[in-house]
Amino acid sequence: LTEVNLSHNGLGALGAAAACCRLPDGMRSLNLRDNGLGSEGAQALLGEEAGGGPPSHLSPHLSPHVSPHLSPCAGPSVLGRLVGLECLNIAFNALGAEGATAAAAGLGRLTRLRTLVLE
């Protein structure tokens, strides 16, 4: 499995994080368009604390802004382990400034990413 389209499913932050946690490492294309991720979803999927440790959503004591229940898998971020990802569509998810900042910080780990859709 190298491509997954989960667009228009209303997954929300928790559903998207849970679904993406189960994706195989060899993923090349992921479409999460229009799933109501919001800033919390962007942080859960791509975020990482500035200190290089795990994102705050892995510990309820680190950040009051992100639910501690949003990371069903451990690691630097849910999508950070998908280093072969070449195409990511997170358009129409109302990421907001906080979510966009988290996404921008987390995208650095996706070194093969060639296409990013943020409409």
N, C-alpha and C. Protein backbone atom coordinates (compact mmCIF):
# COMPACT_ATOMS: atom_id res chain seq x y z
N LEU A 1 0.85 -1.18 0.00
CA LEU A 1 0.00 0.00 0.00
C LEU A 1 0.90 1.24 0.00
N THR A 2 0.76 2.07 -1.03
CA THR A 2 1.59 3.27 -1.12
C THR A 2 0.78 4.55 -1.21
N GLU A 3 -0.52 4.46 -1.50
CA GLU A 3 -1.37 5.64 -1.62
C GLU A 3 -2.67 5.42 -0.85
N VAL A 4 -3.06 6.44 -0.06
CA VAL A 4 -4.31 6.36 0.68
C VAL A 4 -5.05 7.69 0.52
N ASN A 5 -6.33 7.58 0.18
CA ASN A 5 -7.19 8.75 0.04
C ASN A 5 -8.27 8.66 1.12
N LEU A 6 -8.16 9.51 2.12
CA LEU A 6 -9.14 9.57 3.20
C LEU A 6 -9.93 10.88 3.15
N SER A 7 -9.96 11.52 2.01
CA SER A 7 -10.60 12.82 1.89
C SER A 7 -12.11 12.73 2.12
N HIS A 8 -12.67 13.84 2.61
CA HIS A 8 -14.12 14.01 2.80
C HIS A 8 -14.74 12.94 3.69
N ASN A 9 -14.05 12.54 4.75
CA ASN A 9 -14.59 11.52 5.64
C ASN A 9 -14.97 12.06 7.01
N GLY A 10 -14.73 13.35 7.26
CA GLY A 10 -15.07 13.92 8.55
C GLY A 10 -14.34 13.26 9.71
N LEU A 11 -13.10 12.88 9.49
CA LEU A 11 -12.34 12.17 10.51
C LEU A 11 -12.06 13.01 11.75
N GLY A 12 -11.87 14.30 11.56
CA GLY A 12 -11.48 15.15 12.67
C GLY A 12 -10.05 14.85 13.08
N ALA A 13 -9.58 15.56 14.09
CA ALA A 13 -8.19 15.42 14.53
C ALA A 13 -7.91 14.02 15.06
N LEU A 14 -8.77 13.53 15.92
CA LEU A 14 -8.54 12.22 16.54
C LEU A 14 -8.63 11.09 15.52
N GLY A 15 -9.63 11.12 14.65
CA GLY A 15 -9.78 10.07 13.64
C GLY A 15 -8.64 10.03 12.65
N ALA A 16 -8.19 11.21 12.22
CA ALA A 16 -7.08 11.26 11.27
C ALA A 16 -5.80 10.74 11.92
N ALA A 17 -5.55 11.13 13.17
CA ALA A 17 -4.36 10.66 13.87
C ALA A 17 -4.40 9.15 14.04
N ALA A 18 -5.56 8.62 14.40
CA ALA A 18 -5.70 7.18 14.59
C ALA A 18 -5.49 6.43 13.27
N ALA A 19 -6.09 6.93 12.20
CA ALA A 19 -5.95 6.28 10.89
C ALA A 19 -4.51 6.34 10.40
N CYS A 20 -3.88 7.50 10.53
CA CYS A 20 -2.51 7.67 10.02
C CYS A 20 -1.50 6.88 10.83
N CYS A 21 -1.79 6.66 12.07
CA CYS A 21 -0.88 5.89 12.92
C CYS A 21 -0.73 4.46 12.40
N ARG A 22 -1.73 3.97 11.73
CA ARG A 22 -1.74 2.59 11.25
C ARG A 22 -1.20 2.43 9.83
N LEU A 23 -0.80 3.52 9.20
CA LEU A 23 -0.31 3.45 7.82
C LEU A 23 1.06 2.79 7.76
N PRO A 24 1.32 2.04 6.69
CA PRO A 24 2.64 1.41 6.55
C PRO A 24 3.72 2.45 6.28
N ASP A 25 4.94 2.12 6.64
CA ASP A 25 6.07 3.05 6.47
C ASP A 25 6.34 3.43 5.02
N GLY A 26 5.95 2.61 4.07
CA GLY A 26 6.24 2.88 2.67
C GLY A 26 5.27 3.80 1.96
N MET A 27 4.44 4.52 2.70
CA MET A 27 3.45 5.41 2.09
C MET A 27 4.13 6.48 1.25
N ARG A 28 3.57 6.72 0.05
CA ARG A 28 4.10 7.78 -0.82
C ARG A 28 3.11 8.92 -0.99
N SER A 29 1.80 8.63 -0.90
CA SER A 29 0.80 9.67 -1.11
C SER A 29 -0.32 9.53 -0.09
N LEU A 30 -0.67 10.65 0.56
CA LEU A 30 -1.71 10.65 1.57
C LEU A 30 -2.62 11.86 1.36
N ASN A 31 -3.91 11.61 1.22
CA ASN A 31 -4.88 12.67 1.01
C ASN A 31 -5.82 12.73 2.22
N LEU A 32 -5.70 13.81 2.99
CA LEU A 32 -6.55 14.06 4.15
C LEU A 32 -7.43 15.28 3.94
N ARG A 33 -7.67 15.64 2.72
CA ARG A 33 -8.45 16.82 2.35
C ARG A 33 -9.83 16.81 3.01
N ASP A 34 -10.23 17.95 3.54
CA ASP A 34 -11.58 18.18 4.05
C ASP A 34 -12.00 17.15 5.10
N ASN A 35 -11.25 17.10 6.18
CA ASN A 35 -11.58 16.18 7.27
C ASN A 35 -11.76 16.88 8.61
N GLY A 36 -11.79 18.21 8.60
CA GLY A 36 -12.00 18.94 9.84
C GLY A 36 -10.86 18.78 10.84
N LEU A 37 -9.62 18.77 10.34
CA LEU A 37 -8.47 18.57 11.23
C LEU A 37 -8.28 19.72 12.20
N GLY A 38 -8.44 20.93 11.72
CA GLY A 38 -8.20 22.10 12.55
C GLY A 38 -6.76 22.19 12.99
N SER A 39 -6.44 23.18 13.82
CA SER A 39 -5.06 23.35 14.27
C SER A 39 -4.63 22.18 15.16
N GLU A 40 -5.54 21.65 15.93
CA GLU A 40 -5.21 20.53 16.81
C GLU A 40 -4.80 19.29 16.00
N GLY A 41 -5.48 19.05 14.89
CA GLY A 41 -5.13 17.92 14.03
C GLY A 41 -3.77 18.10 13.38
N ALA A 42 -3.49 19.33 12.92
CA ALA A 42 -2.19 19.59 12.32
C ALA A 42 -1.08 19.36 13.32
N GLN A 43 -1.30 19.79 14.57
CA GLN A 43 -0.30 19.58 15.61
C GLN A 43 -0.13 18.10 15.92
N ALA A 44 -1.22 17.38 15.96
CA ALA A 44 -1.14 15.94 16.25
C ALA A 44 -0.45 15.18 15.13
N LEU A 45 -0.70 15.56 13.88
CA LEU A 45 -0.14 14.84 12.74
C LEU A 45 1.29 15.23 12.43
N LEU A 46 1.61 16.52 12.55
CA LEU A 46 2.91 17.00 12.10
C LEU A 46 3.73 17.71 13.15
N GLY A 47 3.13 18.09 14.24
CA GLY A 47 3.79 18.95 15.21
C GLY A 47 4.91 18.29 15.97
N GLU A 48 5.84 19.13 16.40
CA GLU A 48 6.93 18.69 17.26
C GLU A 48 7.35 19.89 18.08
N GLU A 49 7.67 19.65 19.32
CA GLU A 49 8.12 20.74 20.19
C GLU A 49 9.45 21.29 19.70
N ALA A 50 9.70 22.55 19.97
CA ALA A 50 10.91 23.22 19.50
C ALA A 50 12.18 22.54 20.01
N GLY A 51 12.13 21.90 21.13
CA GLY A 51 13.30 21.27 21.70
C GLY A 51 13.67 19.95 21.05
N GLY A 52 12.92 19.51 20.07
CA GLY A 52 13.25 18.28 19.37
C GLY A 52 12.68 17.03 20.00
N GLY A 53 11.97 17.17 21.08
CA GLY A 53 11.35 16.02 21.74
C GLY A 53 10.02 15.70 21.11
N PRO A 54 9.25 14.83 21.74
CA PRO A 54 7.96 14.48 21.21
C PRO A 54 7.00 15.65 21.28
N PRO A 55 5.99 15.69 20.42
CA PRO A 55 5.03 16.79 20.44
C PRO A 55 4.25 16.81 21.75
N SER A 56 3.73 17.97 22.08
CA SER A 56 3.05 18.14 23.36
C SER A 56 1.83 17.27 23.49
N HIS A 57 1.23 16.84 22.40
CA HIS A 57 0.01 16.03 22.52
C HIS A 57 0.31 14.63 23.07
N LEU A 58 1.58 14.27 23.19
CA LEU A 58 1.92 12.98 23.78
C LEU A 58 1.93 13.05 25.30
N SER A 59 1.97 14.25 25.84
CA SER A 59 1.96 14.41 27.29
C SER A 59 0.97 15.51 27.64
N PRO A 60 -0.04 15.21 28.42
CA PRO A 60 -1.04 16.22 28.76
C PRO A 60 -0.47 17.36 29.61
N HIS A 61 0.73 17.21 30.13
CA HIS A 61 1.29 18.22 31.00
C HIS A 61 2.11 19.26 30.25
N LEU A 62 2.37 19.06 28.96
CA LEU A 62 3.23 19.98 28.23
C LEU A 62 2.49 21.14 27.58
N SER A 63 1.27 20.95 27.14
CA SER A 63 0.57 22.01 26.44
C SER A 63 -0.92 21.98 26.73
N PRO A 64 -1.49 23.11 27.11
CA PRO A 64 -2.93 23.15 27.35
C PRO A 64 -3.72 23.26 26.05
N HIS A 65 -3.03 23.45 24.92
CA HIS A 65 -3.72 23.70 23.66
C HIS A 65 -4.06 22.44 22.88
N VAL A 66 -3.45 21.33 23.21
CA VAL A 66 -3.66 20.11 22.42
C VAL A 66 -4.14 19.00 23.33
N SER A 67 -5.15 18.31 22.90
CA SER A 67 -5.70 17.22 23.70
C SER A 67 -4.68 16.10 23.88
N PRO A 68 -4.56 15.54 25.07
CA PRO A 68 -3.60 14.45 25.29
C PRO A 68 -4.04 13.16 24.62
N HIS A 69 -5.24 13.12 24.11
CA HIS A 69 -5.78 11.90 23.52
C HIS A 69 -5.59 11.83 22.00
N LEU A 70 -4.88 12.79 21.42
CA LEU A 70 -4.77 12.84 19.98
C LEU A 70 -3.65 12.01 19.38
N SER A 71 -2.85 11.38 20.14
CA SER A 71 -1.78 10.59 19.55
C SER A 71 -1.91 9.13 19.95
N PRO A 72 -2.53 8.33 19.08
CA PRO A 72 -2.68 6.92 19.38
C PRO A 72 -1.41 6.12 19.15
N CYS A 73 -0.36 6.77 18.66
CA CYS A 73 0.90 6.07 18.49
C CYS A 73 2.03 6.98 18.95
N ALA A 74 3.12 6.38 19.37
CA ALA A 74 4.24 7.15 19.89
C ALA A 74 5.19 7.54 18.77
N GLY A 75 6.01 8.53 19.00
CA GLY A 75 7.00 8.96 18.03
C GLY A 75 7.05 10.46 17.97
N PRO A 76 7.92 11.02 17.12
CA PRO A 76 8.06 12.46 17.04
C PRO A 76 6.80 13.13 16.52
N SER A 77 6.06 12.49 15.65
CA SER A 77 4.76 12.93 15.17
C SER A 77 4.15 11.74 14.45
N VAL A 78 2.87 11.81 14.23
CA VAL A 78 2.20 10.69 13.55
C VAL A 78 2.74 10.52 12.14
N LEU A 79 2.87 11.62 11.40
CA LEU A 79 3.35 11.52 10.02
C LEU A 79 4.87 11.57 9.92
N GLY A 80 5.56 11.97 10.96
CA GLY A 80 7.01 12.09 10.93
C GLY A 80 7.73 10.79 10.62
N ARG A 81 7.09 9.67 10.91
CA ARG A 81 7.71 8.37 10.63
C ARG A 81 7.55 7.97 9.16
N LEU A 82 6.69 8.67 8.41
CA LEU A 82 6.47 8.35 6.99
C LEU A 82 7.46 9.13 6.14
N VAL A 83 8.73 8.82 6.30
CA VAL A 83 9.79 9.60 5.65
C VAL A 83 9.78 9.50 4.14
N GLY A 84 9.13 8.51 3.58
CA GLY A 84 9.06 8.36 2.13
C GLY A 84 7.88 9.07 1.49
N LEU A 85 7.09 9.79 2.30
CA LEU A 85 5.90 10.47 1.78
C LEU A 85 6.31 11.53 0.76
N GLU A 86 5.73 11.45 -0.44
CA GLU A 86 6.05 12.38 -1.53
C GLU A 86 4.94 13.39 -1.77
N CYS A 87 3.70 13.03 -1.43
CA CYS A 87 2.56 13.90 -1.68
C CYS A 87 1.64 13.90 -0.46
N LEU A 88 1.33 15.10 0.05
CA LEU A 88 0.44 15.25 1.20
C LEU A 88 -0.59 16.32 0.90
N ASN A 89 -1.86 15.96 1.01
CA ASN A 89 -2.95 16.90 0.79
C ASN A 89 -3.69 17.09 2.10
N ILE A 90 -3.55 18.29 2.69
CA ILE A 90 -4.27 18.63 3.91
C ILE A 90 -5.10 19.90 3.70
N ALA A 91 -5.57 20.07 2.48
CA ALA A 91 -6.38 21.24 2.11
C ALA A 91 -7.75 21.20 2.77
N PHE A 92 -8.35 22.37 2.92
CA PHE A 92 -9.71 22.52 3.44
C PHE A 92 -9.89 21.86 4.80
N ASN A 93 -8.95 22.12 5.71
CA ASN A 93 -9.03 21.57 7.05
C ASN A 93 -9.00 22.64 8.13
N ALA A 94 -9.11 23.90 7.75
CA ALA A 94 -9.13 25.02 8.70
C ALA A 94 -8.01 24.90 9.73
N LEU A 95 -6.77 24.81 9.24
CA LEU A 95 -5.63 24.64 10.12
C LEU A 95 -5.36 25.85 11.00
N GLY A 96 -5.64 27.03 10.48
CA GLY A 96 -5.37 28.25 11.23
C GLY A 96 -3.88 28.51 11.34
N ALA A 97 -3.53 29.62 11.96
CA ALA A 97 -2.12 30.02 12.09
C ALA A 97 -1.34 29.03 12.95
N GLU A 98 -1.92 28.58 14.05
CA GLU A 98 -1.23 27.65 14.94
C GLU A 98 -0.99 26.30 14.26
N GLY A 99 -1.99 25.82 13.53
CA GLY A 99 -1.85 24.56 12.81
C GLY A 99 -0.86 24.65 11.67
N ALA A 100 -0.88 25.78 10.96
CA ALA A 100 0.05 25.97 9.85
C ALA A 100 1.49 26.04 10.37
N THR A 101 1.68 26.66 11.52
CA THR A 101 3.01 26.72 12.12
C THR A 101 3.50 25.33 12.51
N ALA A 102 2.61 24.54 13.10
CA ALA A 102 2.96 23.17 13.47
C ALA A 102 3.28 22.34 12.23
N ALA A 103 2.47 22.51 11.19
CA ALA A 103 2.70 21.78 9.95
C ALA A 103 4.04 22.16 9.34
N ALA A 104 4.33 23.45 9.29
CA ALA A 104 5.60 23.90 8.70
C ALA A 104 6.79 23.33 9.46
N ALA A 105 6.71 23.30 10.77
CA ALA A 105 7.81 22.76 11.57
C ALA A 105 7.97 21.27 11.34
N GLY A 106 6.88 20.56 11.22
CA GLY A 106 6.93 19.11 11.06
C GLY A 106 7.28 18.64 9.67
N LEU A 107 7.06 19.47 8.67
CA LEU A 107 7.33 19.05 7.29
C LEU A 107 8.81 18.83 7.03
N GLY A 108 9.68 19.39 7.83
CA GLY A 108 11.12 19.21 7.65
C GLY A 108 11.57 17.76 7.74
N ARG A 109 10.81 16.96 8.47
CA ARG A 109 11.15 15.54 8.60
C ARG A 109 10.74 14.73 7.37
N LEU A 110 9.87 15.29 6.56
CA LEU A 110 9.40 14.59 5.36
C LEU A 110 10.29 15.00 4.18
N THR A 111 11.49 14.48 4.14
CA THR A 111 12.51 14.93 3.19
C THR A 111 12.21 14.57 1.74
N ARG A 112 11.34 13.63 1.49
CA ARG A 112 11.00 13.26 0.11
C ARG A 112 9.73 13.95 -0.39
N LEU A 113 9.12 14.75 0.45
CA LEU A 113 7.88 15.43 0.08
C LEU A 113 8.11 16.34 -1.11
N ARG A 114 7.34 16.15 -2.17
CA ARG A 114 7.46 16.97 -3.38
C ARG A 114 6.20 17.78 -3.63
N THR A 115 5.05 17.30 -3.12
CA THR A 115 3.79 18.00 -3.35
C THR A 115 3.06 18.15 -2.03
N LEU A 116 2.72 19.41 -1.72
CA LEU A 116 1.95 19.72 -0.52
C LEU A 116 0.76 20.58 -0.93
N VAL A 117 -0.44 20.13 -0.64
CA VAL A 117 -1.65 20.88 -1.00
C VAL A 117 -2.26 21.43 0.28
N LEU A 118 -2.36 22.77 0.35
CA LEU A 118 -2.87 23.45 1.54
C LEU A 118 -4.04 24.39 1.26
N GLU A 119 -4.65 24.35 0.14
CA GLU A 119 -5.70 25.30 -0.25
C GLU A 119 -6.52 25.80 0.91
